[in-house]
Amino acid sequence: PATTVMEPMVASLLGFVVLGEYLHA
């Protein structure tokens, strides 16, 4: 469960901060 929760959270955060990606919602 730790891996399942943390991996997408870190990937999303890095996508937003490093790659400048965002989600229109």
mmCIF file of all heavy atoms, coordinates in Angstrom:
data_MODEL
# 
_entry.id   MODEL 
# 
loop_
_atom_site.group_PDB 
_atom_site.id 
_atom_site.type_symbol 
_atom_site.label_atom_id 
_atom_site.label_alt_id 
_atom_site.label_comp_id 
_atom_site.label_asym_id 
_atom_site.label_entity_id 
_atom_site.label_seq_id 
_atom_site.pdbx_PDB_ins_code 
_atom_site.Cartn_x 
_atom_site.Cartn_y 
_atom_site.Cartn_z 
_atom_site.occupancy 
_atom_site.B_iso_or_equiv 
_atom_site.pdbx_formal_charge 
_atom_site.auth_seq_id 
_atom_site.auth_comp_id 
_atom_site.auth_asym_id 
_atom_site.auth_atom_id 
_atom_site.pdbx_PDB_model_num 
ATOM 1   N N   . PRO A 1 1  ? 0.807   -1.228 0.000   1.00 0.00 ? 1  PRO A N   1 
ATOM 2   C CA  . PRO A 1 1  ? 0.000   0.000  0.000   1.00 0.00 ? 1  PRO A CA  1 
ATOM 3   C C   . PRO A 1 1  ? 0.838   1.275  0.000   1.00 0.00 ? 1  PRO A C   1 
ATOM 4   O O   . PRO A 1 1  ? 0.474   2.262  -0.639  1.00 0.00 ? 1  PRO A O   1 
ATOM 5   C CB  . PRO A 1 1  ? -0.813  -0.093 1.293   1.00 0.00 ? 1  PRO A CB  1 
ATOM 6   C CG  . PRO A 1 1  ? -0.837  -1.529 1.633   1.00 0.00 ? 1  PRO A CG  1 
ATOM 7   C CD  . PRO A 1 1  ? 0.452   -2.093 1.120   1.00 0.00 ? 1  PRO A CD  1 
ATOM 8   N N   . ALA A 1 2  ? 1.961   1.242  0.689   1.00 0.00 ? 2  ALA A N   1 
ATOM 9   C CA  . ALA A 1 2  ? 2.814   2.430  0.717   1.00 0.00 ? 2  ALA A CA  1 
ATOM 10  C C   . ALA A 1 2  ? 3.302   2.777  -0.682  1.00 0.00 ? 2  ALA A C   1 
ATOM 11  O O   . ALA A 1 2  ? 3.264   3.930  -1.112  1.00 0.00 ? 2  ALA A O   1 
ATOM 12  C CB  . ALA A 1 2  ? 3.997   2.194  1.650   1.00 0.00 ? 2  ALA A CB  1 
ATOM 13  N N   . THR A 1 3  ? 3.744   1.766  -1.416  1.00 0.00 ? 3  THR A N   1 
ATOM 14  C CA  . THR A 1 3  ? 4.216   1.990  -2.777  1.00 0.00 ? 3  THR A CA  1 
ATOM 15  C C   . THR A 1 3  ? 3.070   2.417  -3.688  1.00 0.00 ? 3  THR A C   1 
ATOM 16  O O   . THR A 1 3  ? 3.218   3.313  -4.517  1.00 0.00 ? 3  THR A O   1 
ATOM 17  C CB  . THR A 1 3  ? 4.866   0.704  -3.327  1.00 0.00 ? 3  THR A CB  1 
ATOM 18  O OG1 . THR A 1 3  ? 5.939   0.343  -2.467  1.00 0.00 ? 3  THR A OG1 1 
ATOM 19  C CG2 . THR A 1 3  ? 5.398   0.912  -4.724  1.00 0.00 ? 3  THR A CG2 1 
ATOM 20  N N   . THR A 1 4  ? 1.926   1.790  -3.516  1.00 0.00 ? 4  THR A N   1 
ATOM 21  C CA  . THR A 1 4  ? 0.771   2.067  -4.360  1.00 0.00 ? 4  THR A CA  1 
ATOM 22  C C   . THR A 1 4  ? 0.305   3.514  -4.224  1.00 0.00 ? 4  THR A C   1 
ATOM 23  O O   . THR A 1 4  ? -0.102  4.133  -5.201  1.00 0.00 ? 4  THR A O   1 
ATOM 24  C CB  . THR A 1 4  ? -0.380  1.105  -4.006  1.00 0.00 ? 4  THR A CB  1 
ATOM 25  O OG1 . THR A 1 4  ? 0.090   -0.230 -4.180  1.00 0.00 ? 4  THR A OG1 1 
ATOM 26  C CG2 . THR A 1 4  ? -1.591  1.336  -4.869  1.00 0.00 ? 4  THR A CG2 1 
ATOM 27  N N   . VAL A 1 5  ? 0.377   4.054  -3.028  1.00 0.00 ? 5  VAL A N   1 
ATOM 28  C CA  . VAL A 1 5  ? -0.073  5.427  -2.791  1.00 0.00 ? 5  VAL A CA  1 
ATOM 29  C C   . VAL A 1 5  ? 1.004   6.443  -3.159  1.00 0.00 ? 5  VAL A C   1 
ATOM 30  O O   . VAL A 1 5  ? 0.729   7.453  -3.805  1.00 0.00 ? 5  VAL A O   1 
ATOM 31  C CB  . VAL A 1 5  ? -0.490  5.609  -1.312  1.00 0.00 ? 5  VAL A CB  1 
ATOM 32  C CG1 . VAL A 1 5  ? -0.744  7.071  -0.992  1.00 0.00 ? 5  VAL A CG1 1 
ATOM 33  C CG2 . VAL A 1 5  ? -1.722  4.783  -1.009  1.00 0.00 ? 5  VAL A CG2 1 
ATOM 34  N N   . MET A 1 6  ? 2.228   6.164  -2.770  1.00 0.00 ? 6  MET A N   1 
ATOM 35  C CA  . MET A 1 6  ? 3.289   7.166  -2.899  1.00 0.00 ? 6  MET A CA  1 
ATOM 36  C C   . MET A 1 6  ? 3.747   7.387  -4.341  1.00 0.00 ? 6  MET A C   1 
ATOM 37  O O   . MET A 1 6  ? 4.019   8.514  -4.739  1.00 0.00 ? 6  MET A O   1 
ATOM 38  C CB  . MET A 1 6  ? 4.467   6.738  -2.025  1.00 0.00 ? 6  MET A CB  1 
ATOM 39  C CG  . MET A 1 6  ? 5.505   7.778  -1.870  1.00 0.00 ? 6  MET A CG  1 
ATOM 40  S SD  . MET A 1 6  ? 4.870   9.144  -0.914  1.00 0.00 ? 6  MET A SD  1 
ATOM 41  C CE  . MET A 1 6  ? 6.363   10.022 -0.592  1.00 0.00 ? 6  MET A CE  1 
ATOM 42  N N   . GLU A 1 7  ? 3.850   6.324  -5.129  1.00 0.00 ? 7  GLU A N   1 
ATOM 43  C CA  . GLU A 1 7  ? 4.402   6.460  -6.485  1.00 0.00 ? 7  GLU A CA  1 
ATOM 44  C C   . GLU A 1 7  ? 3.615   7.443  -7.347  1.00 0.00 ? 7  GLU A C   1 
ATOM 45  O O   . GLU A 1 7  ? 4.199   8.364  -7.925  1.00 0.00 ? 7  GLU A O   1 
ATOM 46  C CB  . GLU A 1 7  ? 4.497   5.085  -7.153  1.00 0.00 ? 7  GLU A CB  1 
ATOM 47  C CG  . GLU A 1 7  ? 5.256   5.107  -8.470  1.00 0.00 ? 7  GLU A CG  1 
ATOM 48  C CD  . GLU A 1 7  ? 4.377   5.420  -9.661  1.00 0.00 ? 7  GLU A CD  1 
ATOM 49  O OE1 . GLU A 1 7  ? 3.192   5.058  -9.648  1.00 0.00 ? 7  GLU A OE1 1 
ATOM 50  O OE2 . GLU A 1 7  ? 4.872   6.047  -10.604 1.00 0.00 ? 7  GLU A OE2 1 
ATOM 51  N N   . PRO A 1 8  ? 2.289   7.330  -7.461  1.00 0.00 ? 8  PRO A N   1 
ATOM 52  C CA  . PRO A 1 8  ? 1.584   8.311  -8.295  1.00 0.00 ? 8  PRO A CA  1 
ATOM 53  C C   . PRO A 1 8  ? 1.586   9.714  -7.691  1.00 0.00 ? 8  PRO A C   1 
ATOM 54  O O   . PRO A 1 8  ? 1.550   10.705 -8.430  1.00 0.00 ? 8  PRO A O   1 
ATOM 55  C CB  . PRO A 1 8  ? 0.163   7.758  -8.407  1.00 0.00 ? 8  PRO A CB  1 
ATOM 56  C CG  . PRO A 1 8  ? 0.040   6.708  -7.386  1.00 0.00 ? 8  PRO A CG  1 
ATOM 57  C CD  . PRO A 1 8  ? 1.406   6.261  -7.013  1.00 0.00 ? 8  PRO A CD  1 
ATOM 58  N N   . MET A 1 9  ? 1.652   9.803  -6.357  1.00 0.00 ? 9  MET A N   1 
ATOM 59  C CA  . MET A 1 9  ? 1.706   11.133 -5.740  1.00 0.00 ? 9  MET A CA  1 
ATOM 60  C C   . MET A 1 9  ? 3.003   11.840 -6.110  1.00 0.00 ? 9  MET A C   1 
ATOM 61  O O   . MET A 1 9  ? 3.000   13.011 -6.486  1.00 0.00 ? 9  MET A O   1 
ATOM 62  C CB  . MET A 1 9  ? 1.568   11.017 -4.218  1.00 0.00 ? 9  MET A CB  1 
ATOM 63  C CG  . MET A 1 9  ? 0.167   10.645 -3.772  1.00 0.00 ? 9  MET A CG  1 
ATOM 64  S SD  . MET A 1 9  ? 0.015   10.360 -2.003  1.00 0.00 ? 9  MET A SD  1 
ATOM 65  C CE  . MET A 1 9  ? 0.544   11.905 -1.319  1.00 0.00 ? 9  MET A CE  1 
ATOM 66  N N   . VAL A 1 10 ? 4.123   11.135 -6.018  1.00 0.00 ? 10 VAL A N   1 
ATOM 67  C CA  . VAL A 1 10 ? 5.415   11.732 -6.361  1.00 0.00 ? 10 VAL A CA  1 
ATOM 68  C C   . VAL A 1 10 ? 5.478   12.037 -7.855  1.00 0.00 ? 10 VAL A C   1 
ATOM 69  O O   . VAL A 1 10 ? 5.927   13.114 -8.256  1.00 0.00 ? 10 VAL A O   1 
ATOM 70  C CB  . VAL A 1 10 ? 6.578   10.800 -5.935  1.00 0.00 ? 10 VAL A CB  1 
ATOM 71  C CG1 . VAL A 1 10 ? 7.900   11.284 -6.490  1.00 0.00 ? 10 VAL A CG1 1 
ATOM 72  C CG2 . VAL A 1 10 ? 6.641   10.700 -4.423  1.00 0.00 ? 10 VAL A CG2 1 
ATOM 73  N N   . ALA A 1 11 ? 5.009   11.097 -8.680  1.00 0.00 ? 11 ALA A N   1 
ATOM 74  C CA  . ALA A 1 11 ? 5.029   11.327 -10.129 1.00 0.00 ? 11 ALA A CA  1 
ATOM 75  C C   . ALA A 1 11 ? 4.177   12.538 -10.504 1.00 0.00 ? 11 ALA A C   1 
ATOM 76  O O   . ALA A 1 11 ? 4.582   13.360 -11.335 1.00 0.00 ? 11 ALA A O   1 
ATOM 77  C CB  . ALA A 1 11 ? 4.533   10.086 -10.867 1.00 0.00 ? 11 ALA A CB  1 
ATOM 78  N N   . SER A 1 12 ? 3.016   12.673 -9.888  1.00 0.00 ? 12 SER A N   1 
ATOM 79  C CA  . SER A 1 12 ? 2.146   13.822 -10.172 1.00 0.00 ? 12 SER A CA  1 
ATOM 80  C C   . SER A 1 12 ? 2.783   15.131 -9.725  1.00 0.00 ? 12 SER A C   1 
ATOM 81  O O   . SER A 1 12 ? 2.751   16.125 -10.449 1.00 0.00 ? 12 SER A O   1 
ATOM 82  C CB  . SER A 1 12 ? 0.794   13.650 -9.479  1.00 0.00 ? 12 SER A CB  1 
ATOM 83  O OG  . SER A 1 12 ? 0.139   12.523 -9.978  1.00 0.00 ? 12 SER A OG  1 
ATOM 84  N N   . LEU A 1 13 ? 3.347   15.119 -8.533  1.00 0.00 ? 13 LEU A N   1 
ATOM 85  C CA  . LEU A 1 13 ? 4.000   16.326 -8.017  1.00 0.00 ? 13 LEU A CA  1 
ATOM 86  C C   . LEU A 1 13 ? 5.173   16.734 -8.902  1.00 0.00 ? 13 LEU A C   1 
ATOM 87  O O   . LEU A 1 13 ? 5.311   17.909 -9.254  1.00 0.00 ? 13 LEU A O   1 
ATOM 88  C CB  . LEU A 1 13 ? 4.467   16.104 -6.575  1.00 0.00 ? 13 LEU A CB  1 
ATOM 89  C CG  . LEU A 1 13 ? 5.160   17.280 -5.922  1.00 0.00 ? 13 LEU A CG  1 
ATOM 90  C CD1 . LEU A 1 13 ? 4.181   18.442 -5.759  1.00 0.00 ? 13 LEU A CD1 1 
ATOM 91  C CD2 . LEU A 1 13 ? 5.734   16.877 -4.580  1.00 0.00 ? 13 LEU A CD2 1 
ATOM 92  N N   . LEU A 1 14 ? 6.007   15.768 -9.289  1.00 0.00 ? 14 LEU A N   1 
ATOM 93  C CA  . LEU A 1 14 ? 7.135   16.092 -10.159 1.00 0.00 ? 14 LEU A CA  1 
ATOM 94  C C   . LEU A 1 14 ? 6.663   16.522 -11.546 1.00 0.00 ? 14 LEU A C   1 
ATOM 95  O O   . LEU A 1 14 ? 7.268   17.403 -12.166 1.00 0.00 ? 14 LEU A O   1 
ATOM 96  C CB  . LEU A 1 14 ? 8.084   14.893 -10.271 1.00 0.00 ? 14 LEU A CB  1 
ATOM 97  C CG  . LEU A 1 14 ? 8.890   14.572 -9.024  1.00 0.00 ? 14 LEU A CG  1 
ATOM 98  C CD1 . LEU A 1 14 ? 9.688   13.298 -9.219  1.00 0.00 ? 14 LEU A CD1 1 
ATOM 99  C CD2 . LEU A 1 14 ? 9.793   15.724 -8.646  1.00 0.00 ? 14 LEU A CD2 1 
ATOM 100 N N   . GLY A 1 15 ? 5.606   15.906 -12.041 1.00 0.00 ? 15 GLY A N   1 
ATOM 101 C CA  . GLY A 1 15 ? 5.051   16.326 -13.326 1.00 0.00 ? 15 GLY A CA  1 
ATOM 102 C C   . GLY A 1 15 ? 4.602   17.770 -13.290 1.00 0.00 ? 15 GLY A C   1 
ATOM 103 O O   . GLY A 1 15 ? 4.819   18.534 -14.238 1.00 0.00 ? 15 GLY A O   1 
ATOM 104 N N   . PHE A 1 16 ? 3.985   18.158 -12.183 1.00 0.00 ? 16 PHE A N   1 
ATOM 105 C CA  . PHE A 1 16 ? 3.510   19.536 -12.030 1.00 0.00 ? 16 PHE A CA  1 
ATOM 106 C C   . PHE A 1 16 ? 4.678   20.502 -11.850 1.00 0.00 ? 16 PHE A C   1 
ATOM 107 O O   . PHE A 1 16 ? 4.767   21.525 -12.539 1.00 0.00 ? 16 PHE A O   1 
ATOM 108 C CB  . PHE A 1 16 ? 2.555   19.616 -10.836 1.00 0.00 ? 16 PHE A CB  1 
ATOM 109 C CG  . PHE A 1 16 ? 2.031   20.982 -10.568 1.00 0.00 ? 16 PHE A CG  1 
ATOM 110 C CD1 . PHE A 1 16 ? 1.082   21.564 -11.408 1.00 0.00 ? 16 PHE A CD1 1 
ATOM 111 C CD2 . PHE A 1 16 ? 2.472   21.706 -9.482  1.00 0.00 ? 16 PHE A CD2 1 
ATOM 112 C CE1 . PHE A 1 16 ? 0.597   22.833 -11.164 1.00 0.00 ? 16 PHE A CE1 1 
ATOM 113 C CE2 . PHE A 1 16 ? 1.985   22.977 -9.231  1.00 0.00 ? 16 PHE A CE2 1 
ATOM 114 C CZ  . PHE A 1 16 ? 1.058   23.535 -10.070 1.00 0.00 ? 16 PHE A CZ  1 
ATOM 115 N N   . VAL A 1 17 ? 5.603   20.173 -10.943 1.00 0.00 ? 17 VAL A N   1 
ATOM 116 C CA  . VAL A 1 17 ? 6.682   21.098 -10.588 1.00 0.00 ? 17 VAL A CA  1 
ATOM 117 C C   . VAL A 1 17 ? 7.791   21.119 -11.649 1.00 0.00 ? 17 VAL A C   1 
ATOM 118 O O   . VAL A 1 17 ? 8.230   22.185 -12.072 1.00 0.00 ? 17 VAL A O   1 
ATOM 119 C CB  . VAL A 1 17 ? 7.276   20.730 -9.205  1.00 0.00 ? 17 VAL A CB  1 
ATOM 120 C CG1 . VAL A 1 17 ? 8.498   21.556 -8.891  1.00 0.00 ? 17 VAL A CG1 1 
ATOM 121 C CG2 . VAL A 1 17 ? 6.224   20.906 -8.124  1.00 0.00 ? 17 VAL A CG2 1 
ATOM 122 N N   . VAL A 1 18 ? 8.239   19.934 -12.077 1.00 0.00 ? 18 VAL A N   1 
ATOM 123 C CA  . VAL A 1 18 ? 9.399   19.865 -12.968 1.00 0.00 ? 18 VAL A CA  1 
ATOM 124 C C   . VAL A 1 18 ? 9.000   20.006 -14.437 1.00 0.00 ? 18 VAL A C   1 
ATOM 125 O O   . VAL A 1 18 ? 9.648   20.712 -15.196 1.00 0.00 ? 18 VAL A O   1 
ATOM 126 C CB  . VAL A 1 18 ? 10.168  18.539 -12.744 1.00 0.00 ? 18 VAL A CB  1 
ATOM 127 C CG1 . VAL A 1 18 ? 11.317  18.393 -13.719 1.00 0.00 ? 18 VAL A CG1 1 
ATOM 128 C CG2 . VAL A 1 18 ? 10.679  18.455 -11.311 1.00 0.00 ? 18 VAL A CG2 1 
ATOM 129 N N   . LEU A 1 19 ? 7.934   19.312 -14.830 1.00 0.00 ? 19 LEU A N   1 
ATOM 130 C CA  . LEU A 1 19 ? 7.559   19.288 -16.245 1.00 0.00 ? 19 LEU A CA  1 
ATOM 131 C C   . LEU A 1 19 ? 6.518   20.342 -16.619 1.00 0.00 ? 19 LEU A C   1 
ATOM 132 O O   . LEU A 1 19 ? 6.211   20.505 -17.797 1.00 0.00 ? 19 LEU A O   1 
ATOM 133 C CB  . LEU A 1 19 ? 7.037   17.897 -16.621 1.00 0.00 ? 19 LEU A CB  1 
ATOM 134 C CG  . LEU A 1 19 ? 8.010   16.736 -16.403 1.00 0.00 ? 19 LEU A CG  1 
ATOM 135 C CD1 . LEU A 1 19 ? 7.343   15.420 -16.733 1.00 0.00 ? 19 LEU A CD1 1 
ATOM 136 C CD2 . LEU A 1 19 ? 9.279   16.930 -17.200 1.00 0.00 ? 19 LEU A CD2 1 
ATOM 137 N N   . GLY A 1 20 ? 5.948   21.013 -15.646 1.00 0.00 ? 20 GLY A N   1 
ATOM 138 C CA  . GLY A 1 20 ? 4.964   22.049 -15.927 1.00 0.00 ? 20 GLY A CA  1 
ATOM 139 C C   . GLY A 1 20 ? 3.628   21.518 -16.417 1.00 0.00 ? 20 GLY A C   1 
ATOM 140 O O   . GLY A 1 20 ? 2.871   22.236 -17.073 1.00 0.00 ? 20 GLY A O   1 
ATOM 141 N N   . GLU A 1 21 ? 3.329   20.260 -16.091 1.00 0.00 ? 21 GLU A N   1 
ATOM 142 C CA  . GLU A 1 21 ? 2.048   19.687 -16.491 1.00 0.00 ? 21 GLU A CA  1 
ATOM 143 C C   . GLU A 1 21 ? 0.971   20.086 -15.483 1.00 0.00 ? 21 GLU A C   1 
ATOM 144 O O   . GLU A 1 21 ? 1.259   20.311 -14.310 1.00 0.00 ? 21 GLU A O   1 
ATOM 145 C CB  . GLU A 1 21 ? 2.155   18.166 -16.569 1.00 0.00 ? 21 GLU A CB  1 
ATOM 146 C CG  . GLU A 1 21 ? 3.118   17.712 -17.642 1.00 0.00 ? 21 GLU A CG  1 
ATOM 147 C CD  . GLU A 1 21 ? 3.262   16.209 -17.690 1.00 0.00 ? 21 GLU A CD  1 
ATOM 148 O OE1 . GLU A 1 21 ? 2.818   15.524 -16.754 1.00 0.00 ? 21 GLU A OE1 1 
ATOM 149 O OE2 . GLU A 1 21 ? 3.833   15.717 -18.667 1.00 0.00 ? 21 GLU A OE2 1 
ATOM 150 N N   . TYR A 1 22 ? -0.241  20.150 -15.948 1.00 0.00 ? 22 TYR A N   1 
ATOM 151 C CA  . TYR A 1 22 ? -1.339  20.482 -15.050 1.00 0.00 ? 22 TYR A CA  1 
ATOM 152 C C   . TYR A 1 22 ? -2.618  19.859 -15.579 1.00 0.00 ? 22 TYR A C   1 
ATOM 153 O O   . TYR A 1 22 ? -2.695  19.419 -16.722 1.00 0.00 ? 22 TYR A O   1 
ATOM 154 C CB  . TYR A 1 22 ? -1.486  21.991 -14.879 1.00 0.00 ? 22 TYR A CB  1 
ATOM 155 C CG  . TYR A 1 22 ? -1.624  22.736 -16.175 1.00 0.00 ? 22 TYR A CG  1 
ATOM 156 C CD1 . TYR A 1 22 ? -2.878  23.014 -16.710 1.00 0.00 ? 22 TYR A CD1 1 
ATOM 157 C CD2 . TYR A 1 22 ? -0.503  23.160 -16.885 1.00 0.00 ? 22 TYR A CD2 1 
ATOM 158 C CE1 . TYR A 1 22 ? -3.006  23.692 -17.907 1.00 0.00 ? 22 TYR A CE1 1 
ATOM 159 C CE2 . TYR A 1 22 ? -0.622  23.833 -18.084 1.00 0.00 ? 22 TYR A CE2 1 
ATOM 160 C CZ  . TYR A 1 22 ? -1.878  24.094 -18.586 1.00 0.00 ? 22 TYR A CZ  1 
ATOM 161 O OH  . TYR A 1 22 ? -2.005  24.747 -19.776 1.00 0.00 ? 22 TYR A OH  1 
ATOM 162 N N   . LEU A 1 23 ? -3.614  19.817 -14.721 1.00 0.00 ? 23 LEU A N   1 
ATOM 163 C CA  . LEU A 1 23 ? -4.887  19.200 -15.054 1.00 0.00 ? 23 LEU A CA  1 
ATOM 164 C C   . LEU A 1 23 ? -5.972  20.268 -15.007 1.00 0.00 ? 23 LEU A C   1 
ATOM 165 O O   . LEU A 1 23 ? -6.144  20.925 -13.985 1.00 0.00 ? 23 LEU A O   1 
ATOM 166 C CB  . LEU A 1 23 ? -5.198  18.078 -14.047 1.00 0.00 ? 23 LEU A CB  1 
ATOM 167 C CG  . LEU A 1 23 ? -6.517  17.373 -14.202 1.00 0.00 ? 23 LEU A CG  1 
ATOM 168 C CD1 . LEU A 1 23 ? -6.545  16.569 -15.497 1.00 0.00 ? 23 LEU A CD1 1 
ATOM 169 C CD2 . LEU A 1 23 ? -6.756  16.451 -13.024 1.00 0.00 ? 23 LEU A CD2 1 
ATOM 170 N N   . HIS A 1 24 ? -6.663  20.441 -16.114 1.00 0.00 ? 24 HIS A N   1 
ATOM 171 C CA  . HIS A 1 24 ? -7.803  21.356 -16.120 1.00 0.00 ? 24 HIS A CA  1 
ATOM 172 C C   . HIS A 1 24 ? -8.996  20.614 -15.535 1.00 0.00 ? 24 HIS A C   1 
ATOM 173 O O   . HIS A 1 24 ? -9.469  19.631 -16.113 1.00 0.00 ? 24 HIS A O   1 
ATOM 174 C CB  . HIS A 1 24 ? -8.141  21.806 -17.545 1.00 0.00 ? 24 HIS A CB  1 
ATOM 175 C CG  . HIS A 1 24 ? -7.164  22.775 -18.110 1.00 0.00 ? 24 HIS A CG  1 
ATOM 176 N ND1 . HIS A 1 24 ? -7.026  24.051 -17.634 1.00 0.00 ? 24 HIS A ND1 1 
ATOM 177 C CD2 . HIS A 1 24 ? -6.259  22.646 -19.108 1.00 0.00 ? 24 HIS A CD2 1 
ATOM 178 C CE1 . HIS A 1 24 ? -6.095  24.680 -18.328 1.00 0.00 ? 24 HIS A CE1 1 
ATOM 179 N NE2 . HIS A 1 24 ? -5.609  23.840 -19.226 1.00 0.00 ? 24 HIS A NE2 1 
ATOM 180 N N   . ALA A 1 25 ? -9.456  21.055 -14.391 1.00 0.00 ? 25 ALA A N   1 
ATOM 181 C CA  . ALA A 1 25 ? -10.595 20.407 -13.756 1.00 0.00 ? 25 ALA A CA  1 
ATOM 182 C C   . ALA A 1 25 ? -11.473 21.482 -13.120 1.00 0.00 ? 25 ALA A C   1 
ATOM 183 O O   . ALA A 1 25 ? -10.969 22.409 -12.478 1.00 0.00 ? 25 ALA A O   1 
ATOM 184 C CB  . ALA A 1 25 ? -10.124 19.433 -12.690 1.00 0.00 ? 25 ALA A CB  1 
# 
